[in-house]
Amino acid sequence: MARFNEILVGRYNRMLQKLLSMKGGPPCPQLATEIAPNISLFNGAENRYLEGWNRIGGRISALGVAANLSAGRLLNPAGSGVIAVVEKASVQASAAASVQLTVERPAGAGFPLVGSQMPFDSRNQTLAGSAVGGVCLVQGKNNNPTLFGIIVGSFGLLTGTQLELIQTDIQEIPLLPGDSLDMTLSVVNTNIDVTYWWRERVLEESERT
């Protein structure tokens, strides 16, 4: 028999059970009769996996090519079934330039360079059986002189310095399936080194419609 105000999203119940080592049925199966939920258990990155998040870091380096711009991308593939939240986006270049931050929705093709990535927490299970520790992919490009996507920010970058584009949690950027976050240099024939940190989880059924 269904409960009054029954909670049908199970990951918060699972989080409570794992965090507190509780046995038996779900410890929080329904809302109060008045609106009174208060979720404030999060207390550190080490507990993200209890909420169903997988935290991952990745990096791509692309050598400059004459008459071409270089770019780094974090791609959430179309049909992935996960949501990603970008926590860190940093960039270095071999020459002073502007870096354009763009969100493509849907992401275009043509980023052939493959970066390296790994999960931060070995307790996590990889989503969708991904061999790289996550569903989202770090990619690069250095063979197209055009900018990619719609520019949402432009930032000055000095030679050999690292620029952090996300400073606070309110600046974190969600990426849904088919989205990408790109960083493109404004100067041709320039090396680019891009680092992304992100967390991802499976979309709940209620988020898919």
N, C-alpha and C. Protein backbone atom coordinates (compact mmCIF):
# COMPACT_ATOMS: atom_id res chain seq x y z
N MET A 1 0.85 -1.19 0.00
CA MET A 1 0.00 0.00 0.00
C MET A 1 0.89 1.25 0.00
N ALA A 2 0.56 2.17 -0.88
CA ALA A 2 1.37 3.38 -0.98
C ALA A 2 1.22 4.26 0.26
N ARG A 3 2.26 4.95 0.61
CA ARG A 3 2.24 5.87 1.75
C ARG A 3 1.76 7.25 1.29
N PHE A 4 1.27 8.01 2.24
CA PHE A 4 0.92 9.39 1.96
C PHE A 4 2.21 10.20 1.77
N ASN A 5 2.27 10.98 0.67
CA ASN A 5 3.48 11.76 0.35
C ASN A 5 4.71 10.85 0.25
N GLU A 6 4.54 9.70 -0.38
CA GLU A 6 5.65 8.75 -0.48
C GLU A 6 6.77 9.32 -1.37
N ILE A 7 8.01 9.14 -0.92
CA ILE A 7 9.18 9.58 -1.69
C ILE A 7 9.57 8.46 -2.66
N LEU A 8 9.60 8.77 -3.97
CA LEU A 8 9.89 7.76 -4.98
C LEU A 8 11.31 7.87 -5.54
N VAL A 9 12.06 8.89 -5.14
CA VAL A 9 13.47 9.01 -5.53
C VAL A 9 14.31 8.35 -4.44
N GLY A 10 14.98 7.26 -4.80
CA GLY A 10 15.59 6.42 -3.76
C GLY A 10 16.98 6.80 -3.31
N ARG A 11 17.69 7.68 -4.02
CA ARG A 11 19.11 7.87 -3.69
C ARG A 11 19.32 8.57 -2.37
N TYR A 12 18.36 9.39 -1.90
CA TYR A 12 18.54 10.03 -0.60
C TYR A 12 18.35 9.03 0.54
N ASN A 13 17.41 8.10 0.38
CA ASN A 13 17.28 7.02 1.36
C ASN A 13 18.54 6.16 1.39
N ARG A 14 19.07 5.84 0.22
CA ARG A 14 20.30 5.04 0.16
C ARG A 14 21.46 5.78 0.81
N MET A 15 21.52 7.10 0.59
CA MET A 15 22.57 7.90 1.21
C MET A 15 22.48 7.82 2.73
N LEU A 16 21.27 7.97 3.29
CA LEU A 16 21.10 7.90 4.74
C LEU A 16 21.50 6.53 5.27
N GLN A 17 21.07 5.47 4.58
CA GLN A 17 21.38 4.11 5.03
C GLN A 17 22.89 3.86 5.05
N LYS A 18 23.60 4.28 3.99
CA LYS A 18 25.04 4.04 3.92
C LYS A 18 25.81 4.94 4.88
N LEU A 19 25.40 6.21 4.95
CA LEU A 19 26.12 7.15 5.80
C LEU A 19 26.03 6.76 7.26
N LEU A 20 24.87 6.25 7.69
CA LEU A 20 24.63 5.93 9.10
C LEU A 20 24.64 4.44 9.39
N SER A 21 24.99 3.61 8.39
CA SER A 21 25.02 2.14 8.54
C SER A 21 23.71 1.60 9.11
N MET A 22 22.61 2.05 8.57
CA MET A 22 21.28 1.64 9.04
C MET A 22 20.82 0.40 8.28
N LYS A 23 20.16 -0.50 8.99
CA LYS A 23 19.62 -1.72 8.38
C LYS A 23 18.10 -1.59 8.28
N GLY A 24 17.50 -2.55 7.54
CA GLY A 24 16.06 -2.53 7.42
C GLY A 24 15.61 -1.71 6.22
N GLY A 25 14.36 -1.27 6.28
CA GLY A 25 13.75 -0.54 5.19
C GLY A 25 14.25 0.89 5.08
N PRO A 26 13.72 1.62 4.11
CA PRO A 26 14.18 3.00 3.92
C PRO A 26 13.91 3.85 5.15
N PRO A 27 14.90 4.59 5.65
CA PRO A 27 14.72 5.36 6.88
C PRO A 27 13.87 6.61 6.70
N CYS A 28 13.68 7.06 5.45
CA CYS A 28 12.92 8.29 5.22
C CYS A 28 12.02 8.08 4.01
N PRO A 29 10.95 7.29 4.15
CA PRO A 29 10.14 6.92 2.99
C PRO A 29 9.11 7.95 2.56
N GLN A 30 8.85 8.98 3.38
CA GLN A 30 7.81 9.93 3.00
C GLN A 30 8.08 11.30 3.60
N LEU A 31 7.46 12.32 2.99
CA LEU A 31 7.55 13.67 3.50
C LEU A 31 6.64 13.84 4.71
N ALA A 32 6.89 14.91 5.48
CA ALA A 32 5.97 15.26 6.56
C ALA A 32 4.63 15.68 5.96
N THR A 33 3.58 15.68 6.79
CA THR A 33 2.25 16.05 6.29
C THR A 33 2.21 17.51 5.84
N GLU A 34 3.08 18.34 6.41
CA GLU A 34 3.29 19.69 5.89
C GLU A 34 4.67 19.70 5.21
N ILE A 35 4.94 20.71 4.40
CA ILE A 35 6.22 20.76 3.69
C ILE A 35 7.33 21.02 4.68
N ALA A 36 8.15 20.00 4.95
CA ALA A 36 9.18 20.16 5.98
C ALA A 36 10.47 19.41 5.70
N PRO A 37 10.83 19.10 4.44
CA PRO A 37 12.11 18.42 4.23
C PRO A 37 13.27 19.36 4.51
N ASN A 38 14.34 18.80 5.07
CA ASN A 38 15.54 19.59 5.38
C ASN A 38 16.75 18.71 5.13
N ILE A 39 17.33 18.83 3.94
CA ILE A 39 18.46 17.99 3.56
C ILE A 39 19.74 18.79 3.75
N SER A 40 20.48 18.51 4.79
CA SER A 40 21.69 19.27 5.07
C SER A 40 22.81 18.37 5.57
N LEU A 41 22.83 17.10 5.14
CA LEU A 41 23.82 16.15 5.61
C LEU A 41 25.17 16.30 4.93
N PHE A 42 25.20 16.90 3.75
CA PHE A 42 26.46 16.98 3.02
C PHE A 42 27.51 17.71 3.85
N ASN A 43 28.67 17.08 4.01
CA ASN A 43 29.71 17.70 4.84
C ASN A 43 31.11 17.52 4.29
N GLY A 44 31.23 17.20 2.99
CA GLY A 44 32.57 17.09 2.42
C GLY A 44 32.57 16.28 1.15
N ALA A 45 33.60 16.49 0.32
CA ALA A 45 33.68 15.80 -0.96
C ALA A 45 33.72 14.28 -0.80
N GLU A 46 34.18 13.79 0.37
CA GLU A 46 34.28 12.34 0.59
C GLU A 46 32.91 11.67 0.66
N ASN A 47 31.85 12.45 0.84
CA ASN A 47 30.50 11.88 0.92
C ASN A 47 29.70 12.05 -0.36
N ARG A 48 30.30 12.61 -1.40
CA ARG A 48 29.57 12.77 -2.65
C ARG A 48 29.09 11.42 -3.20
N TYR A 49 29.91 10.39 -3.03
CA TYR A 49 29.53 9.09 -3.61
C TYR A 49 28.30 8.51 -2.92
N LEU A 50 28.07 8.89 -1.64
CA LEU A 50 26.87 8.41 -0.95
C LEU A 50 25.60 9.01 -1.54
N GLU A 51 25.74 10.14 -2.20
CA GLU A 51 24.60 10.78 -2.85
C GLU A 51 24.43 10.31 -4.30
N GLY A 52 25.26 9.38 -4.72
CA GLY A 52 25.17 8.88 -6.08
C GLY A 52 26.03 9.62 -7.09
N TRP A 53 26.91 10.52 -6.62
CA TRP A 53 27.78 11.27 -7.52
C TRP A 53 29.12 10.55 -7.70
N ASN A 54 29.66 10.63 -8.89
CA ASN A 54 31.00 10.16 -9.20
C ASN A 54 31.83 11.38 -9.55
N ARG A 55 32.92 11.66 -8.80
CA ARG A 55 33.76 12.83 -9.04
C ARG A 55 34.98 12.41 -9.87
N ILE A 56 35.24 13.18 -10.91
CA ILE A 56 36.25 12.79 -11.91
C ILE A 56 37.08 14.01 -12.27
N GLY A 57 38.35 13.78 -12.57
CA GLY A 57 39.22 14.83 -13.09
C GLY A 57 39.80 14.42 -14.43
N GLY A 58 39.98 15.40 -15.32
CA GLY A 58 40.53 15.09 -16.63
C GLY A 58 41.32 16.24 -17.20
N ARG A 59 42.20 15.93 -18.15
CA ARG A 59 43.10 16.94 -18.73
C ARG A 59 43.33 16.63 -20.20
N ILE A 60 43.44 17.71 -20.98
CA ILE A 60 43.78 17.57 -22.39
C ILE A 60 44.82 18.62 -22.76
N SER A 61 45.84 18.22 -23.50
CA SER A 61 46.85 19.13 -24.03
C SER A 61 46.82 19.03 -25.55
N ALA A 62 46.79 20.20 -26.21
CA ALA A 62 46.78 20.22 -27.67
C ALA A 62 47.88 21.16 -28.15
N LEU A 63 48.75 20.67 -29.01
CA LEU A 63 49.82 21.48 -29.57
C LEU A 63 49.27 22.44 -30.61
N GLY A 64 49.83 23.64 -30.65
CA GLY A 64 49.40 24.63 -31.63
C GLY A 64 49.74 24.22 -33.05
N VAL A 65 48.88 24.59 -33.98
CA VAL A 65 49.08 24.33 -35.40
C VAL A 65 48.94 25.65 -36.15
N ALA A 66 49.81 25.90 -37.11
CA ALA A 66 49.81 27.16 -37.86
C ALA A 66 48.43 27.44 -38.45
N ALA A 67 47.96 28.67 -38.25
CA ALA A 67 46.69 29.16 -38.81
C ALA A 67 45.47 28.48 -38.21
N ASN A 68 45.65 27.79 -37.07
CA ASN A 68 44.53 27.09 -36.44
C ASN A 68 44.47 27.44 -34.96
N LEU A 69 43.26 27.45 -34.43
CA LEU A 69 43.04 27.66 -33.01
C LEU A 69 43.02 26.32 -32.28
N SER A 70 43.33 26.37 -30.98
CA SER A 70 43.31 25.17 -30.14
C SER A 70 42.19 25.28 -29.11
N ALA A 71 41.61 24.14 -28.73
CA ALA A 71 40.50 24.15 -27.79
C ALA A 71 40.48 22.86 -26.98
N GLY A 72 39.91 22.94 -25.79
CA GLY A 72 39.67 21.77 -24.95
C GLY A 72 38.20 21.69 -24.61
N ARG A 73 37.69 20.48 -24.50
CA ARG A 73 36.24 20.27 -24.33
C ARG A 73 35.96 19.24 -23.26
N LEU A 74 34.87 19.45 -22.51
CA LEU A 74 34.26 18.41 -21.68
C LEU A 74 32.91 18.11 -22.29
N LEU A 75 32.73 16.88 -22.73
CA LEU A 75 31.52 16.47 -23.46
C LEU A 75 30.69 15.49 -22.64
N ASN A 76 29.41 15.80 -22.49
CA ASN A 76 28.44 14.84 -21.97
C ASN A 76 27.73 14.25 -23.18
N PRO A 77 28.04 13.02 -23.56
CA PRO A 77 27.51 12.49 -24.82
C PRO A 77 25.99 12.46 -24.86
N ALA A 78 25.43 12.66 -26.03
CA ALA A 78 23.99 12.57 -26.21
C ALA A 78 23.52 11.16 -25.83
N GLY A 79 22.42 11.09 -25.12
CA GLY A 79 21.88 9.79 -24.71
C GLY A 79 22.61 9.16 -23.55
N SER A 80 23.48 9.89 -22.85
CA SER A 80 24.26 9.30 -21.76
C SER A 80 23.40 8.94 -20.55
N GLY A 81 22.32 9.67 -20.34
CA GLY A 81 21.48 9.40 -19.17
C GLY A 81 22.04 9.93 -17.87
N VAL A 82 23.07 10.79 -17.93
CA VAL A 82 23.65 11.34 -16.72
C VAL A 82 23.65 12.86 -16.79
N ILE A 83 23.71 13.49 -15.64
CA ILE A 83 23.95 14.93 -15.54
C ILE A 83 25.33 15.12 -14.95
N ALA A 84 26.06 16.08 -15.48
CA ALA A 84 27.39 16.42 -14.97
C ALA A 84 27.38 17.85 -14.47
N VAL A 85 28.16 18.12 -13.43
CA VAL A 85 28.32 19.47 -12.90
C VAL A 85 29.82 19.77 -12.89
N VAL A 86 30.22 20.78 -13.63
CA VAL A 86 31.64 21.13 -13.73
C VAL A 86 32.04 21.93 -12.50
N GLU A 87 33.02 21.40 -11.74
CA GLU A 87 33.49 22.04 -10.52
C GLU A 87 34.74 22.87 -10.73
N LYS A 88 35.54 22.51 -11.71
CA LYS A 88 36.82 23.21 -11.97
C LYS A 88 37.04 23.24 -13.47
N ALA A 89 37.43 24.40 -13.98
CA ALA A 89 37.80 24.54 -15.39
C ALA A 89 38.98 25.50 -15.44
N SER A 90 40.16 24.97 -15.73
CA SER A 90 41.37 25.81 -15.75
C SER A 90 42.09 25.62 -17.08
N VAL A 91 42.86 26.64 -17.45
CA VAL A 91 43.52 26.61 -18.76
C VAL A 91 44.86 27.31 -18.68
N GLN A 92 45.83 26.79 -19.43
CA GLN A 92 47.13 27.42 -19.65
C GLN A 92 47.40 27.45 -21.15
N ALA A 93 48.24 28.40 -21.56
CA ALA A 93 48.58 28.50 -22.97
C ALA A 93 50.04 28.90 -23.11
N SER A 94 50.59 28.63 -24.29
CA SER A 94 52.01 28.91 -24.55
C SER A 94 52.24 30.35 -24.99
N ALA A 95 51.18 31.13 -25.15
CA ALA A 95 51.30 32.53 -25.52
C ALA A 95 50.13 33.29 -24.91
N ALA A 96 50.31 34.59 -24.71
CA ALA A 96 49.21 35.41 -24.19
C ALA A 96 48.06 35.40 -25.18
N ALA A 97 46.84 35.24 -24.64
CA ALA A 97 45.66 35.13 -25.51
C ALA A 97 44.42 35.40 -24.68
N SER A 98 43.30 35.49 -25.36
CA SER A 98 42.01 35.41 -24.68
C SER A 98 41.51 33.98 -24.81
N VAL A 99 40.80 33.53 -23.79
CA VAL A 99 40.18 32.21 -23.86
C VAL A 99 38.66 32.41 -23.83
N GLN A 100 38.01 31.82 -24.80
CA GLN A 100 36.55 31.93 -24.89
C GLN A 100 35.92 30.68 -24.26
N LEU A 101 35.01 30.90 -23.31
CA LEU A 101 34.28 29.81 -22.68
C LEU A 101 32.93 29.70 -23.37
N THR A 102 32.62 28.53 -23.90
CA THR A 102 31.37 28.34 -24.64
C THR A 102 30.67 27.08 -24.16
N VAL A 103 29.35 27.14 -24.20
CA VAL A 103 28.52 25.97 -23.95
C VAL A 103 27.81 25.64 -25.25
N GLU A 104 28.00 24.43 -25.74
CA GLU A 104 27.34 23.99 -26.97
C GLU A 104 26.19 23.06 -26.61
N ARG A 105 25.02 23.35 -27.17
CA ARG A 105 23.83 22.55 -26.89
C ARG A 105 22.97 22.50 -28.14
N PRO A 106 23.03 21.44 -28.94
CA PRO A 106 23.84 20.24 -28.71
C PRO A 106 25.28 20.46 -29.18
N ALA A 107 26.17 19.64 -28.66
CA ALA A 107 27.59 19.74 -28.99
C ALA A 107 27.84 19.30 -30.42
N GLY A 108 28.68 20.06 -31.12
CA GLY A 108 29.07 19.66 -32.46
C GLY A 108 30.17 18.61 -32.42
N ALA A 109 30.42 18.01 -33.55
CA ALA A 109 31.44 16.97 -33.64
C ALA A 109 32.79 17.61 -33.97
N GLY A 110 33.81 16.77 -34.07
CA GLY A 110 35.09 17.24 -34.58
C GLY A 110 36.12 17.60 -33.54
N PHE A 111 36.09 16.99 -32.36
CA PHE A 111 37.16 17.15 -31.37
C PHE A 111 37.90 15.82 -31.29
N PRO A 112 38.90 15.61 -32.16
CA PRO A 112 39.49 14.28 -32.31
C PRO A 112 40.50 13.89 -31.24
N LEU A 113 41.04 14.87 -30.49
CA LEU A 113 42.08 14.55 -29.51
C LEU A 113 41.45 14.05 -28.22
N VAL A 114 42.00 12.99 -27.66
CA VAL A 114 41.44 12.35 -26.46
C VAL A 114 42.32 12.67 -25.26
N GLY A 115 41.72 13.19 -24.20
CA GLY A 115 42.45 13.50 -22.98
C GLY A 115 42.49 12.33 -22.02
N SER A 116 43.13 12.55 -20.88
CA SER A 116 43.19 11.53 -19.82
C SER A 116 42.24 11.93 -18.70
N GLN A 117 41.67 10.96 -18.00
CA GLN A 117 40.76 11.23 -16.90
C GLN A 117 40.68 10.04 -15.97
N MET A 118 40.30 10.31 -14.72
CA MET A 118 40.16 9.24 -13.74
C MET A 118 39.24 9.70 -12.61
N PRO A 119 38.54 8.76 -11.94
CA PRO A 119 37.71 9.13 -10.80
C PRO A 119 38.57 9.47 -9.59
N PHE A 120 38.11 10.39 -8.76
CA PHE A 120 38.83 10.77 -7.55
C PHE A 120 38.61 9.78 -6.42
N ASP A 121 37.52 9.04 -6.43
CA ASP A 121 37.15 8.18 -5.31
C ASP A 121 37.01 6.74 -5.81
N SER A 122 37.87 5.85 -5.34
CA SER A 122 37.86 4.46 -5.81
C SER A 122 36.64 3.69 -5.32
N ARG A 123 35.87 4.24 -4.38
CA ARG A 123 34.66 3.57 -3.93
C ARG A 123 33.54 3.68 -4.96
N ASN A 124 33.66 4.60 -5.90
CA ASN A 124 32.62 4.79 -6.90
C ASN A 124 32.61 3.65 -7.90
N GLN A 125 31.42 3.30 -8.34
CA GLN A 125 31.27 2.39 -9.46
C GLN A 125 31.16 3.25 -10.72
N THR A 126 31.87 2.86 -11.79
CA THR A 126 31.78 3.63 -13.02
C THR A 126 30.37 3.55 -13.58
N LEU A 127 29.90 4.66 -14.10
CA LEU A 127 28.57 4.73 -14.67
C LEU A 127 28.57 4.13 -16.08
N ALA A 128 27.56 3.38 -16.37
CA ALA A 128 27.36 2.82 -17.71
C ALA A 128 28.54 1.99 -18.18
N GLY A 129 29.33 1.45 -17.23
CA GLY A 129 30.44 0.59 -17.59
C GLY A 129 31.58 1.30 -18.29
N SER A 130 31.68 2.61 -18.11
CA SER A 130 32.73 3.37 -18.80
C SER A 130 34.11 2.92 -18.35
N ALA A 131 35.00 2.71 -19.30
CA ALA A 131 36.36 2.26 -18.98
C ALA A 131 37.24 3.39 -18.49
N VAL A 132 36.79 4.65 -18.65
CA VAL A 132 37.62 5.80 -18.25
C VAL A 132 37.17 6.37 -16.92
N GLY A 133 36.27 5.68 -16.21
CA GLY A 133 35.86 6.13 -14.90
C GLY A 133 34.74 7.13 -14.91
N GLY A 134 34.13 7.38 -16.02
CA GLY A 134 33.02 8.31 -16.10
C GLY A 134 32.41 8.30 -17.48
N VAL A 135 31.23 8.87 -17.60
CA VAL A 135 30.55 8.91 -18.88
C VAL A 135 31.02 10.10 -19.72
N CYS A 136 31.22 11.25 -19.08
CA CYS A 136 31.68 12.44 -19.80
C CYS A 136 33.12 12.24 -20.27
N LEU A 137 33.48 12.94 -21.33
CA LEU A 137 34.77 12.75 -21.97
C LEU A 137 35.50 14.08 -22.13
N VAL A 138 36.82 14.06 -21.89
CA VAL A 138 37.67 15.22 -22.12
C VAL A 138 38.30 15.08 -23.51
N GLN A 139 38.13 16.11 -24.33
CA GLN A 139 38.60 16.05 -25.71
C GLN A 139 39.31 17.35 -26.08
N GLY A 140 40.01 17.34 -27.21
CA GLY A 140 40.71 18.52 -27.68
C GLY A 140 40.65 18.66 -29.19
N LYS A 141 41.04 19.85 -29.65
CA LYS A 141 41.01 20.15 -31.08
C LYS A 141 42.07 21.21 -31.37
N ASN A 142 42.80 21.05 -32.49
CA ASN A 142 43.78 22.06 -32.89
C ASN A 142 43.85 22.21 -34.40
N ASN A 143 42.74 21.91 -35.09
CA ASN A 143 42.79 21.92 -36.55
C ASN A 143 41.60 22.63 -37.17
N ASN A 144 41.09 23.66 -36.50
CA ASN A 144 39.97 24.41 -37.09
C ASN A 144 40.09 25.85 -36.64
N PRO A 145 40.19 26.81 -37.54
CA PRO A 145 40.40 28.20 -37.15
C PRO A 145 39.15 28.95 -36.72
N THR A 146 38.03 28.27 -36.56
CA THR A 146 36.80 28.94 -36.15
C THR A 146 36.51 28.66 -34.68
N LEU A 147 35.77 29.59 -34.03
CA LEU A 147 35.35 29.38 -32.65
C LEU A 147 34.21 28.39 -32.61
N PHE A 148 34.03 27.75 -31.46
CA PHE A 148 33.06 26.68 -31.33
C PHE A 148 31.95 27.13 -30.37
N GLY A 149 30.70 26.99 -30.78
CA GLY A 149 29.58 27.27 -29.89
C GLY A 149 29.34 28.77 -29.71
N ILE A 150 28.52 29.10 -28.73
CA ILE A 150 28.17 30.48 -28.39
C ILE A 150 29.01 30.90 -27.19
N ILE A 151 29.74 31.99 -27.32
CA ILE A 151 30.63 32.44 -26.25
C ILE A 151 29.80 32.96 -25.07
N VAL A 152 30.05 32.43 -23.88
CA VAL A 152 29.38 32.91 -22.67
C VAL A 152 30.34 33.66 -21.76
N GLY A 153 31.61 33.70 -22.13
CA GLY A 153 32.61 34.44 -21.36
C GLY A 153 33.91 34.49 -22.11
N SER A 154 34.66 35.59 -21.91
CA SER A 154 35.97 35.75 -22.53
C SER A 154 36.92 36.27 -21.46
N PHE A 155 38.10 35.64 -21.34
CA PHE A 155 39.00 35.93 -20.24
C PHE A 155 40.42 36.09 -20.76
N GLY A 156 41.15 37.07 -20.21
CA GLY A 156 42.54 37.26 -20.59
C GLY A 156 43.45 36.22 -19.95
N LEU A 157 44.42 35.75 -20.72
CA LEU A 157 45.31 34.68 -20.27
C LEU A 157 46.75 35.07 -20.58
N LEU A 158 47.59 35.07 -19.55
CA LEU A 158 49.01 35.39 -19.73
C LEU A 158 49.79 34.13 -20.07
N THR A 159 50.93 34.32 -20.72
CA THR A 159 51.77 33.18 -21.11
C THR A 159 52.19 32.36 -19.90
N GLY A 160 51.95 31.05 -19.96
CA GLY A 160 52.43 30.13 -18.94
C GLY A 160 51.74 30.21 -17.59
N THR A 161 50.68 30.99 -17.47
CA THR A 161 49.95 31.07 -16.20
C THR A 161 48.67 30.25 -16.29
N GLN A 162 48.21 29.79 -15.14
CA GLN A 162 46.98 29.00 -15.09
C GLN A 162 45.81 29.89 -14.69
N LEU A 163 44.76 29.87 -15.50
CA LEU A 163 43.57 30.68 -15.25
C LEU A 163 42.44 29.78 -14.79
N GLU A 164 41.87 30.09 -13.63
CA GLU A 164 40.73 29.34 -13.08
C GLU A 164 39.45 30.07 -13.47
N LEU A 165 38.56 29.38 -14.18
CA LEU A 165 37.33 30.01 -14.66
C LEU A 165 36.15 29.77 -13.73
N ILE A 166 36.29 28.87 -12.75
CA ILE A 166 35.23 28.64 -11.75
C ILE A 166 35.83 28.94 -10.39
N GLN A 167 35.31 29.95 -9.72
CA GLN A 167 35.85 30.41 -8.45
C GLN A 167 35.01 29.98 -7.25
N THR A 168 33.68 29.86 -7.41
CA THR A 168 32.78 29.51 -6.31
C THR A 168 31.78 28.46 -6.80
N ASP A 169 31.07 27.84 -5.85
CA ASP A 169 30.13 26.78 -6.24
C ASP A 169 28.95 27.32 -7.05
N ILE A 170 28.61 28.61 -6.91
CA ILE A 170 27.50 29.15 -7.70
C ILE A 170 27.88 29.26 -9.17
N GLN A 171 29.20 29.21 -9.46
CA GLN A 171 29.66 29.27 -10.84
C GLN A 171 29.78 27.89 -11.49
N GLU A 172 29.53 26.83 -10.74
CA GLU A 172 29.55 25.50 -11.33
C GLU A 172 28.54 25.40 -12.46
N ILE A 173 28.89 24.63 -13.49
CA ILE A 173 28.10 24.59 -14.72
C ILE A 173 27.53 23.19 -14.92
N PRO A 174 26.19 23.04 -14.96
CA PRO A 174 25.62 21.73 -15.25
C PRO A 174 25.64 21.43 -16.74
N LEU A 175 25.93 20.19 -17.08
CA LEU A 175 25.91 19.73 -18.46
C LEU A 175 24.96 18.55 -18.57
N LEU A 176 23.93 18.69 -19.38
CA LEU A 176 22.99 17.61 -19.61
C LEU A 176 23.44 16.79 -20.83
N PRO A 177 22.84 15.63 -21.07
CA PRO A 177 23.24 14.83 -22.22
C PRO A 177 23.20 15.63 -23.52
N GLY A 178 24.29 15.57 -24.26
CA GLY A 178 24.40 16.31 -25.51
C GLY A 178 25.07 17.66 -25.39
N ASP A 179 25.35 18.11 -24.15
CA ASP A 179 26.01 19.40 -23.93
C ASP A 179 27.52 19.24 -23.89
N SER A 180 28.22 20.34 -24.18
CA SER A 180 29.66 20.37 -23.98
C SER A 180 30.06 21.74 -23.45
N LEU A 181 31.16 21.76 -22.69
CA LEU A 181 31.79 22.99 -22.23
C LEU A 181 33.15 23.08 -22.90
N ASP A 182 33.35 24.14 -23.70
CA ASP A 182 34.56 24.28 -24.51
C ASP A 182 35.35 25.51 -24.07
N MET A 183 36.68 25.40 -24.13
CA MET A 183 37.57 26.53 -23.93
C MET A 183 38.44 26.65 -25.17
N THR A 184 38.36 27.80 -25.84
CA THR A 184 39.04 28.01 -27.12
C THR A 184 39.94 29.23 -27.04
N LEU A 185 41.18 29.11 -27.49
CA LEU A 185 42.10 30.23 -27.51
C LEU A 185 41.80 31.15 -28.70
N SER A 186 42.13 32.43 -28.55
CA SER A 186 41.88 33.42 -29.61
C SER A 186 43.08 33.60 -30.53
N VAL A 187 44.21 32.96 -30.21
CA VAL A 187 45.44 33.13 -30.98
C VAL A 187 45.80 31.81 -31.65
N VAL A 188 46.08 31.84 -32.93
CA VAL A 188 46.42 30.61 -33.66
C VAL A 188 47.81 30.13 -33.30
N ASN A 189 48.06 28.88 -33.61
CA ASN A 189 49.38 28.25 -33.41
C ASN A 189 49.86 28.38 -31.96
N THR A 190 48.97 28.09 -31.03
CA THR A 190 49.28 28.22 -29.60
C THR A 190 48.90 26.93 -28.87
N ASN A 191 49.81 26.43 -28.04
CA ASN A 191 49.51 25.23 -27.25
C ASN A 191 48.48 25.57 -26.18
N ILE A 192 47.59 24.61 -25.90
CA ILE A 192 46.60 24.79 -24.85
C ILE A 192 46.63 23.58 -23.92
N ASP A 193 46.45 23.83 -22.64
CA ASP A 193 46.39 22.77 -21.63
C ASP A 193 45.18 23.05 -20.75
N VAL A 194 44.20 22.17 -20.80
CA VAL A 194 42.91 22.39 -20.12
C VAL A 194 42.68 21.29 -19.09
N THR A 195 42.22 21.68 -17.91
CA THR A 195 41.86 20.73 -16.86
C THR A 195 40.41 20.93 -16.46
N TYR A 196 39.68 19.82 -16.34
CA TYR A 196 38.30 19.85 -15.86
C TYR A 196 38.18 18.92 -14.66
N TRP A 197 37.46 19.35 -13.64
CA TRP A 197 36.96 18.48 -12.58
C TRP A 197 35.45 18.55 -12.65
N TRP A 198 34.79 17.41 -12.52
CA TRP A 198 33.33 17.40 -12.56
C TRP A 198 32.79 16.24 -11.74
N ARG A 199 31.52 16.32 -11.44
CA ARG A 199 30.82 15.20 -10.82
C ARG A 199 29.64 14.84 -11.71
N GLU A 200 29.28 13.56 -11.73
CA GLU A 200 28.18 13.11 -12.56
C GLU A 200 27.39 12.04 -11.84
N ARG A 201 26.12 11.99 -12.15
CA ARG A 201 25.23 10.96 -11.61
C ARG A 201 24.16 10.64 -12.64
N VAL A 202 23.49 9.51 -12.43
CA VAL A 202 22.40 9.11 -13.32
C VAL A 202 21.22 10.05 -13.13
N LEU A 203 20.61 10.48 -14.23
CA LEU A 203 19.41 11.30 -14.15
C LEU A 203 18.26 10.49 -13.56
N GLU A 204 17.55 11.08 -12.61
CA GLU A 204 16.35 10.44 -12.08
C GLU A 204 15.25 10.43 -13.15
N GLU A 205 14.31 9.49 -13.01
CA GLU A 205 13.23 9.39 -13.99
C GLU A 205 12.48 10.72 -14.13
N SER A 206 12.28 11.40 -12.99
CA SER A 206 11.55 12.65 -13.01
C SER A 206 12.30 13.76 -13.74
N GLU A 207 13.64 13.59 -13.92
CA GLU A 207 14.44 14.61 -14.60
C GLU A 207 14.54 14.37 -16.10
N ARG A 208 14.04 13.26 -16.56
CA ARG A 208 14.18 12.89 -17.97
C ARG A 208 13.05 13.40 -18.83
N THR A 209 12.03 14.00 -18.22
CA THR A 209 10.87 14.46 -18.98
C THR A 209 10.77 15.97 -18.94
